[in-house]
Amino acid sequence: MTIDPSAKIHSTAIIEDGGVVGANCNIGPYCVIGSDVTLGKGVEIKSNAVVAGWTDIGDETVIFPFASVFLSNHKV
């Protein structure tokens, strides 16, 4: 896990080992950031969002509350 010192991460958020959090990111309450996720500079993940799988989120992106961004390995 790599977290830039300027990032703000709520105490209830989970960053899995291997996740990368860039400069000036803001991760809200109850968010989950997976082990294969890279967040660019200034990314904001609002409350209760999940980002998982092999995922890169570009600079200055906002992920809104309760959003799920991941790869599903099963048929729906």
Protein backbone atom coordinates (compact mmCIF):
# COMPACT_ATOMS: atom_id res chain seq x y z
CA MET A 1 0.00 0.00 0.00
CA THR A 2 1.32 3.42 -0.97
CA ILE A 3 -0.41 6.50 0.41
CA ASP A 4 0.83 10.00 -0.34
CA PRO A 5 1.22 12.00 2.90
CA SER A 6 -1.04 14.78 1.57
CA ALA A 7 -4.00 12.39 1.13
CA LYS A 8 -6.95 12.64 3.54
CA ILE A 9 -8.44 9.27 4.43
CA HIS A 10 -11.40 8.88 6.77
CA SER A 11 -10.76 6.58 9.72
CA THR A 12 -13.50 4.16 8.57
CA ALA A 13 -12.15 3.80 5.01
CA ILE A 14 -10.31 0.63 4.02
CA ILE A 15 -7.27 0.71 1.75
CA GLU A 16 -6.18 -2.84 0.92
CA ASP A 17 -2.49 -3.79 0.73
CA GLY A 18 -1.21 -2.91 -2.74
CA GLY A 19 -3.56 0.05 -3.26
CA VAL A 20 -1.98 3.35 -4.35
CA VAL A 21 -3.40 6.70 -3.20
CA GLY A 22 -1.98 9.77 -4.94
CA ALA A 23 -1.31 13.30 -3.75
CA ASN A 24 -4.19 15.37 -2.36
CA CYS A 25 -6.75 12.54 -2.59
CA ASN A 26 -9.77 12.63 -0.31
CA ILE A 27 -11.32 9.29 0.66
CA GLY A 28 -14.59 9.51 2.56
CA PRO A 29 -16.20 7.37 5.25
CA TYR A 30 -16.79 3.64 4.69
CA CYS A 31 -15.02 3.59 1.30
CA VAL A 32 -13.11 0.53 0.14
CA ILE A 33 -10.08 0.82 -2.15
CA GLY A 34 -8.87 -2.53 -3.49
CA SER A 35 -5.37 -3.93 -3.71
CA ASP A 36 -5.01 -3.39 -7.48
CA VAL A 37 -6.32 0.19 -7.52
CA THR A 38 -4.30 3.32 -8.31
CA LEU A 39 -5.80 6.73 -7.55
CA GLY A 40 -4.26 9.71 -9.38
CA LYS A 41 -3.68 13.18 -7.94
CA GLY A 42 -6.64 14.97 -6.35
CA VAL A 43 -9.11 12.09 -6.63
CA GLU A 44 -12.15 12.33 -4.37
CA ILE A 45 -13.99 9.17 -3.34
CA LYS A 46 -17.18 10.09 -1.51
CA SER A 47 -18.80 8.00 1.25
CA ASN A 48 -19.58 4.30 0.89
CA ALA A 49 -17.98 3.93 -2.56
CA VAL A 50 -16.03 0.83 -3.61
CA VAL A 51 -13.20 0.82 -6.16
CA ALA A 52 -11.70 -2.61 -6.79
CA GLY A 53 -10.17 -4.82 -9.48
CA TRP A 54 -7.39 -3.74 -11.82
CA THR A 55 -8.43 -0.09 -11.86
CA ASP A 56 -6.67 3.25 -12.45
CA ILE A 57 -8.63 6.40 -11.58
CA GLY A 58 -7.31 9.52 -13.34
CA ASP A 59 -6.34 12.83 -11.75
CA GLU A 60 -9.09 15.04 -10.29
CA THR A 61 -11.83 12.40 -10.72
CA VAL A 62 -14.79 12.36 -8.33
CA ILE A 63 -16.52 9.07 -7.45
CA PHE A 64 -19.91 9.76 -5.87
CA PRO A 65 -21.50 8.09 -2.81
CA PHE A 66 -22.44 4.40 -3.03
CA ALA A 67 -20.78 3.97 -6.45
CA SER A 68 -19.08 0.66 -7.24
CA VAL A 69 -16.27 0.52 -9.77
CA PHE A 70 -14.85 -2.98 -10.31
CA LEU A 71 -14.58 -5.96 -12.60
CA SER A 72 -17.08 -8.74 -12.03
CA ASN A 73 -15.82 -12.25 -12.74
CA HIS A 74 -19.22 -13.92 -12.83
CA LYS A 75 -22.25 -13.87 -15.12
CA VAL A 76 -25.10 -11.67 -14.00
